[in-house]
Amino acid sequence: MLNIQELKSKVKQINVEFAIERIIEAIRQYFDKTGASTGIIGISGGIDSSVTFALLVKALGKDRVKAVILPHEGLTPNEDVRDAENLANMFGVKPLVLEISDIASEIKASVHDAGIDLNRLAYGNVVARTRMIILYALANSMNGLVVGSGDKSELLLGYYTKYGDGGVDILPIGDLYKTQVRIVGKHLNLPENIVKKPSSPRLWPGQKAEEELGVDYETIDAILYALIELRKSIDKVLEIEGVNTELIKSILKRVFNAEHKRRFPFIPKLSPGMTIGIDWRIPRISSFI
């Protein structure tokens, strides 16, 4: 029978050097094949964007990376902005700081004028999508690609905004669990306060990821590891020793309910040929041209 402590230990057994080298090389190859010259990345002072930024600079060089800090008044702590600025400077990249409060608030006001009041979650998603609009505006103007910082835990849980921080061109750390990202961050000698900082999307005041999810990421990652890496059946995952069954169910429910975020938008199949998102198999990057 699976044990939660043993699973936590397995998650941490990562070949850090291999992971770093593989991600750096993958970034280089992707930019070479697409012909993009600049990596556009939003940095928040959190562990995911910091690790992604560090790997991006190592892959492309500081002159090909645009680090963008997009704070929202009342939502983004000053500490996060300082951490992001210090990190960018640490790697020799001059950050661009753009305040997004007015833009996001204008959207909220326009919707309000139409008779609809946005709740906390809806406005939080507006904030995330506002950030991505800006990042893509920069990418379009600089022959760039938007580099996302979502990790495997967040992608599986659906803990991100569709067409917000999920709307990107490449996800370098998308195959690393949150626990592993912190290990990589420590190996890269990132500032300790960033490596240990509690994760938060900062979509509303005081938001903390683990509080919202109801459990710490080490436990979440252990459960996900059993399901995804060990390919255990749902029944076996539900029997993991040392953790509440209802908690496991809540994690699995998040994974299944978030499937729509990980897929191309559904298209009803009509054609006898190939349908995009169903049986279309043309490679993402073709050497045909």
Protein backbone atom coordinates (compact mmCIF):
# COMPACT_ATOMS: atom_id res chain seq x y z
CA MET A 1 0.00 0.00 0.00
CA LEU A 2 1.19 3.52 -0.79
CA ASN A 3 2.35 5.73 2.06
CA ILE A 4 2.18 9.53 1.97
CA GLN A 5 5.62 10.04 3.55
CA GLU A 6 7.28 7.65 1.11
CA LEU A 7 5.58 9.42 -1.78
CA LYS A 8 6.76 12.82 -0.54
CA SER A 9 10.30 11.45 -0.47
CA LYS A 10 9.98 10.14 -4.04
CA VAL A 11 8.86 13.53 -5.32
CA LYS A 12 12.03 15.09 -3.94
CA GLN A 13 14.29 12.51 -5.59
CA ILE A 14 14.90 14.63 -8.65
CA ASN A 15 18.06 14.82 -10.76
CA VAL A 16 18.38 18.59 -10.49
CA GLU A 17 21.32 18.97 -12.87
CA PHE A 18 19.55 16.97 -15.58
CA ALA A 19 16.32 18.94 -15.13
CA ILE A 20 18.12 22.27 -15.44
CA GLU A 21 20.15 21.22 -18.48
CA ARG A 22 17.10 19.69 -20.19
CA ILE A 23 14.92 22.75 -19.68
CA ILE A 24 17.63 25.16 -20.83
CA GLU A 25 18.25 23.15 -23.99
CA ALA A 26 14.50 22.82 -24.66
CA ILE A 27 14.07 26.60 -24.42
CA ARG A 28 16.96 27.19 -26.83
CA GLN A 29 15.61 24.69 -29.35
CA TYR A 30 12.09 26.09 -29.19
CA PHE A 31 13.23 29.66 -29.77
CA ASP A 32 15.53 28.55 -32.59
CA LYS A 33 12.75 26.63 -34.36
CA THR A 34 10.17 29.38 -33.98
CA GLY A 35 12.57 32.16 -34.97
CA ALA A 36 11.59 34.24 -31.95
CA SER A 37 14.26 36.59 -30.68
CA THR A 38 12.98 37.59 -27.24
CA GLY A 39 11.54 35.79 -24.24
CA ILE A 40 8.83 37.87 -22.56
CA ILE A 41 8.17 36.81 -18.98
CA GLY A 42 6.11 38.24 -16.17
CA ILE A 43 7.96 37.95 -12.88
CA SER A 44 6.14 38.24 -9.58
CA GLY A 45 8.80 37.59 -6.96
CA GLY A 46 7.37 34.09 -6.44
CA ILE A 47 9.21 30.80 -6.80
CA ASP A 48 7.76 29.67 -10.14
CA SER A 49 8.36 32.83 -12.15
CA SER A 50 11.77 33.30 -10.50
CA VAL A 51 12.99 29.81 -11.44
CA THR A 52 11.56 30.15 -14.96
CA PHE A 53 13.20 33.55 -15.38
CA ALA A 54 16.59 32.25 -14.20
CA LEU A 55 16.45 29.31 -16.62
CA LEU A 56 15.30 31.60 -19.45
CA VAL A 57 18.28 33.92 -18.96
CA LYS A 58 20.64 30.95 -18.85
CA ALA A 59 19.12 29.64 -22.08
CA LEU A 60 18.92 32.84 -24.13
CA GLY A 61 21.23 35.31 -22.42
CA LYS A 62 20.16 38.45 -20.58
CA ASP A 63 19.91 40.58 -23.72
CA ARG A 64 17.17 38.38 -25.15
CA VAL A 65 14.96 38.38 -22.07
CA LYS A 66 12.34 41.00 -21.16
CA ALA A 67 11.29 40.78 -17.52
CA VAL A 68 7.97 42.46 -16.81
CA ILE A 69 6.55 43.23 -13.36
CA LEU A 70 2.79 43.84 -13.40
CA PRO A 71 1.60 44.90 -9.93
CA HIS A 72 -1.96 45.78 -9.02
CA GLU A 73 -2.50 48.32 -6.25
CA GLY A 74 -3.90 46.67 -3.15
CA LEU A 75 -3.25 43.16 -4.46
CA THR A 76 0.50 43.04 -5.04
CA PRO A 77 2.61 43.48 -1.88
CA ASN A 78 5.51 45.93 -2.20
CA GLU A 79 7.75 43.11 -1.02
CA ASP A 80 6.91 41.09 -4.15
CA VAL A 81 7.78 43.99 -6.44
CA ARG A 82 11.11 44.50 -4.64
CA ASP A 83 11.90 40.79 -4.81
CA ALA A 84 11.13 40.70 -8.55
CA GLU A 85 13.24 43.81 -9.22
CA ASN A 86 16.15 42.47 -7.20
CA LEU A 87 15.97 39.13 -9.00
CA ALA A 88 16.01 40.77 -12.43
CA ASN A 89 18.96 42.95 -11.47
CA MET A 90 20.74 39.90 -10.06
CA PHE A 91 20.72 38.40 -13.57
CA GLY A 92 21.62 41.66 -15.31
CA VAL A 93 18.15 42.29 -16.74
CA LYS A 94 16.50 45.69 -16.38
CA PRO A 95 12.87 45.02 -15.41
CA LEU A 96 9.90 46.84 -16.89
CA VAL A 97 7.33 47.76 -14.23
CA LEU A 98 3.80 48.45 -15.48
CA GLU A 99 0.97 49.12 -13.01
CA ILE A 100 -2.23 47.42 -14.15
CA SER A 101 -4.77 48.73 -11.62
CA ASP A 102 -6.32 51.31 -13.94
CA ILE A 103 -6.68 48.87 -16.83
CA ALA A 104 -8.28 46.08 -14.80
CA SER A 105 -10.49 48.51 -12.88
CA GLU A 106 -11.74 50.04 -16.14
CA ILE A 107 -12.88 46.60 -17.31
CA LYS A 108 -14.67 46.06 -14.01
CA ALA A 109 -16.33 49.48 -14.27
CA SER A 110 -17.43 48.87 -17.86
CA VAL A 111 -19.06 45.58 -16.89
CA HIS A 112 -20.68 47.29 -13.90
CA ASP A 113 -22.14 49.93 -16.22
CA ALA A 114 -23.72 47.05 -18.17
CA GLY A 115 -25.48 45.95 -14.98
CA ILE A 116 -23.13 43.15 -13.87
CA ASP A 117 -20.95 43.25 -10.75
CA LEU A 118 -17.85 41.06 -10.86
CA ASN A 119 -17.26 38.91 -7.79
CA ARG A 120 -13.81 38.39 -6.29
CA LEU A 121 -12.93 35.41 -8.47
CA ALA A 122 -14.16 37.02 -11.68
CA TYR A 123 -12.16 40.18 -11.04
CA GLY A 124 -9.11 38.12 -10.09
CA ASN A 125 -9.32 36.46 -13.48
CA VAL A 126 -9.60 39.89 -15.12
CA VAL A 127 -6.36 40.83 -13.37
CA ALA A 128 -4.59 37.70 -14.65
CA ARG A 129 -5.86 38.24 -18.19
CA THR A 130 -4.88 41.90 -18.13
CA ARG A 131 -1.32 40.83 -17.38
CA MET A 132 -1.32 38.42 -20.30
CA ILE A 133 -2.70 41.04 -22.70
CA ILE A 134 0.27 43.26 -21.86
CA LEU A 135 2.79 40.43 -22.17
CA TYR A 136 1.47 39.51 -25.61
CA ALA A 137 1.44 43.15 -26.71
CA LEU A 138 5.14 43.27 -25.87
CA ALA A 139 5.80 39.90 -27.53
CA ASN A 140 4.06 40.99 -30.73
CA SER A 141 6.16 44.15 -30.79
CA MET A 142 9.49 42.45 -30.08
CA ASN A 143 9.32 39.24 -32.14
CA GLY A 144 8.95 37.45 -28.85
CA LEU A 145 7.29 34.50 -27.18
CA VAL A 146 5.44 34.72 -23.89
CA VAL A 147 7.14 32.39 -21.45
CA GLY A 148 4.82 30.98 -18.78
CA SER A 149 5.79 29.90 -15.29
CA GLY A 150 3.12 27.34 -14.47
CA ASP A 151 4.40 24.19 -12.78
CA LYS A 152 3.06 20.63 -13.05
CA SER A 153 1.11 20.85 -9.79
CA GLU A 154 -0.77 23.96 -10.93
CA LEU A 155 -1.40 22.58 -14.41
CA LEU A 156 -2.87 19.37 -13.03
CA LEU A 157 -4.98 21.14 -10.41
CA GLY A 158 -6.12 23.81 -12.85
CA TYR A 159 -4.80 26.37 -10.38
CA TYR A 160 -4.34 29.12 -12.93
CA THR A 161 -6.48 31.40 -15.06
CA LYS A 162 -7.54 30.15 -18.46
CA TYR A 163 -6.25 32.63 -21.05
CA GLY A 164 -4.55 34.47 -18.18
CA ASP A 165 -1.34 33.04 -16.76
CA GLY A 166 -2.32 29.88 -18.65
CA GLY A 167 -2.25 31.71 -22.00
CA VAL A 168 1.42 31.37 -22.96
CA ASP A 169 3.68 30.02 -25.71
CA ILE A 170 5.97 27.78 -23.69
CA LEU A 171 5.94 26.34 -20.15
CA PRO A 172 9.55 25.50 -19.26
CA ILE A 173 8.83 24.15 -15.75
CA GLY A 174 5.51 22.51 -16.65
CA ASP A 175 6.89 19.04 -15.89
CA LEU A 176 8.20 19.96 -12.43
CA TYR A 177 5.99 19.66 -9.36
CA LYS A 178 5.90 22.67 -7.02
CA THR A 179 8.05 20.83 -4.48
CA GLN A 180 10.64 20.18 -7.19
CA VAL A 181 10.59 23.79 -8.39
CA ARG A 182 11.68 24.90 -4.92
CA ILE A 183 14.53 22.37 -5.02
CA VAL A 184 15.64 23.73 -8.40
CA GLY A 185 15.37 27.30 -7.10
CA LYS A 186 17.63 26.47 -4.19
CA HIS A 187 20.12 24.80 -6.54
CA LEU A 188 20.15 27.92 -8.72
CA ASN A 189 21.06 29.96 -5.61
CA LEU A 190 17.97 32.13 -5.83
CA PRO A 191 17.34 34.38 -2.81
CA GLU A 192 16.16 32.33 0.17
CA ASN A 193 13.12 34.53 0.78
CA ILE A 194 11.91 33.71 -2.75
CA VAL A 195 12.60 29.99 -2.43
CA LYS A 196 10.65 29.81 0.84
CA LYS A 197 7.90 32.32 0.00
CA PRO A 198 4.37 30.87 0.19
CA SER A 199 2.82 30.54 -3.26
CA SER A 200 0.08 32.99 -4.21
CA PRO A 201 -1.47 34.16 -7.50
CA ARG A 202 -2.11 37.55 -5.80
CA LEU A 203 -5.54 37.87 -7.40
CA TRP A 204 -7.11 39.25 -4.21
CA PRO A 205 -5.75 40.58 -0.90
CA GLY A 206 -4.18 37.95 1.35
CA GLN A 207 -4.61 35.10 -1.11
CA LYS A 208 -2.45 32.06 -0.29
CA ALA A 209 -2.44 29.02 -2.55
CA GLU A 210 -2.17 26.35 0.14
CA GLU A 211 -4.91 27.95 2.23
CA GLU A 212 -7.21 28.04 -0.78
CA LEU A 213 -6.39 24.46 -1.76
CA GLY A 214 -6.79 23.30 1.83
CA VAL A 215 -3.52 21.38 2.04
CA ASP A 216 0.23 21.91 1.62
CA TYR A 217 1.90 21.37 -1.76
CA GLU A 218 4.13 18.54 -0.47
CA THR A 219 1.02 16.47 0.22
CA ILE A 220 -0.64 17.53 -3.03
CA ASP A 221 2.47 16.62 -5.02
CA ALA A 222 2.72 13.23 -3.35
CA ILE A 223 -0.88 12.42 -4.32
CA LEU A 224 -0.38 13.67 -7.86
CA TYR A 225 2.88 11.73 -8.13
CA ALA A 226 1.09 8.48 -7.32
CA LEU A 227 -1.59 9.20 -9.93
CA ILE A 228 0.60 10.58 -12.73
CA GLU A 229 4.14 9.24 -12.33
CA LEU A 230 3.36 5.86 -10.75
CA ARG A 231 0.13 5.56 -12.80
CA LYS A 232 -1.79 4.10 -9.91
CA SER A 233 -5.52 3.55 -10.26
CA ILE A 234 -7.95 5.88 -8.56
CA ASP A 235 -8.77 3.15 -6.05
CA LYS A 236 -5.08 2.74 -5.15
CA VAL A 237 -4.59 6.50 -4.81
CA LEU A 238 -7.58 6.74 -2.50
CA GLU A 239 -5.95 4.10 -0.26
CA ILE A 240 -2.76 6.10 0.38
CA GLU A 241 -1.85 5.74 4.04
CA GLY A 242 -1.32 8.79 6.22
CA VAL A 243 -3.72 11.16 4.52
CA ASN A 244 -7.47 11.70 4.75
CA THR A 245 -9.46 10.02 1.97
CA GLU A 246 -11.75 13.02 1.58
CA LEU A 247 -8.70 15.23 1.03
CA ILE A 248 -7.45 12.90 -1.69
CA LYS A 249 -10.88 13.02 -3.33
CA SER A 250 -10.82 16.82 -3.31
CA ILE A 251 -7.43 16.85 -5.06
CA LEU A 252 -8.53 14.32 -7.68
CA LYS A 253 -11.74 16.26 -8.27
CA ARG A 254 -9.72 19.38 -9.03
CA VAL A 255 -7.59 17.46 -11.53
CA PHE A 256 -10.60 16.03 -13.38
CA ASN A 257 -12.63 19.25 -13.32
CA ALA A 258 -9.70 21.21 -14.77
CA GLU A 259 -9.33 19.03 -17.86
CA HIS A 260 -10.96 21.70 -20.05
CA LYS A 261 -8.09 24.07 -19.20
CA ARG A 262 -5.53 21.61 -20.56
CA ARG A 263 -7.30 20.88 -23.85
CA PHE A 264 -7.97 22.69 -27.08
CA PRO A 265 -11.54 24.12 -27.06
CA PHE A 266 -14.07 21.42 -27.92
CA ILE A 267 -15.14 21.19 -31.57
CA PRO A 268 -18.02 18.88 -32.59
CA LYS A 269 -16.62 16.55 -35.27
CA LEU A 270 -18.31 16.82 -38.70
CA SER A 271 -15.53 16.13 -41.19
CA PRO A 272 -14.57 12.61 -42.29
CA GLY A 273 -11.01 13.92 -42.36
CA MET A 274 -9.03 15.36 -39.46
CA THR A 275 -10.64 17.69 -36.94
CA ILE A 276 -8.54 20.20 -35.01
CA GLY A 277 -8.21 19.22 -31.36
CA ILE A 278 -9.45 15.67 -31.94
CA ASP A 279 -7.34 13.78 -34.50
CA TRP A 280 -5.19 16.53 -36.03
CA ARG A 281 -1.61 15.27 -35.80
CA ILE A 282 0.51 17.86 -37.63
CA PRO A 283 3.53 18.61 -35.37
CA ARG A 284 3.66 21.84 -33.39
CA ILE A 285 6.85 22.91 -35.17
CA SER A 286 7.25 21.54 -38.69
CA SER A 287 10.52 21.49 -40.61
CA PHE A 288 8.50 21.50 -43.86
CA ILE A 289 9.02 25.24 -44.40
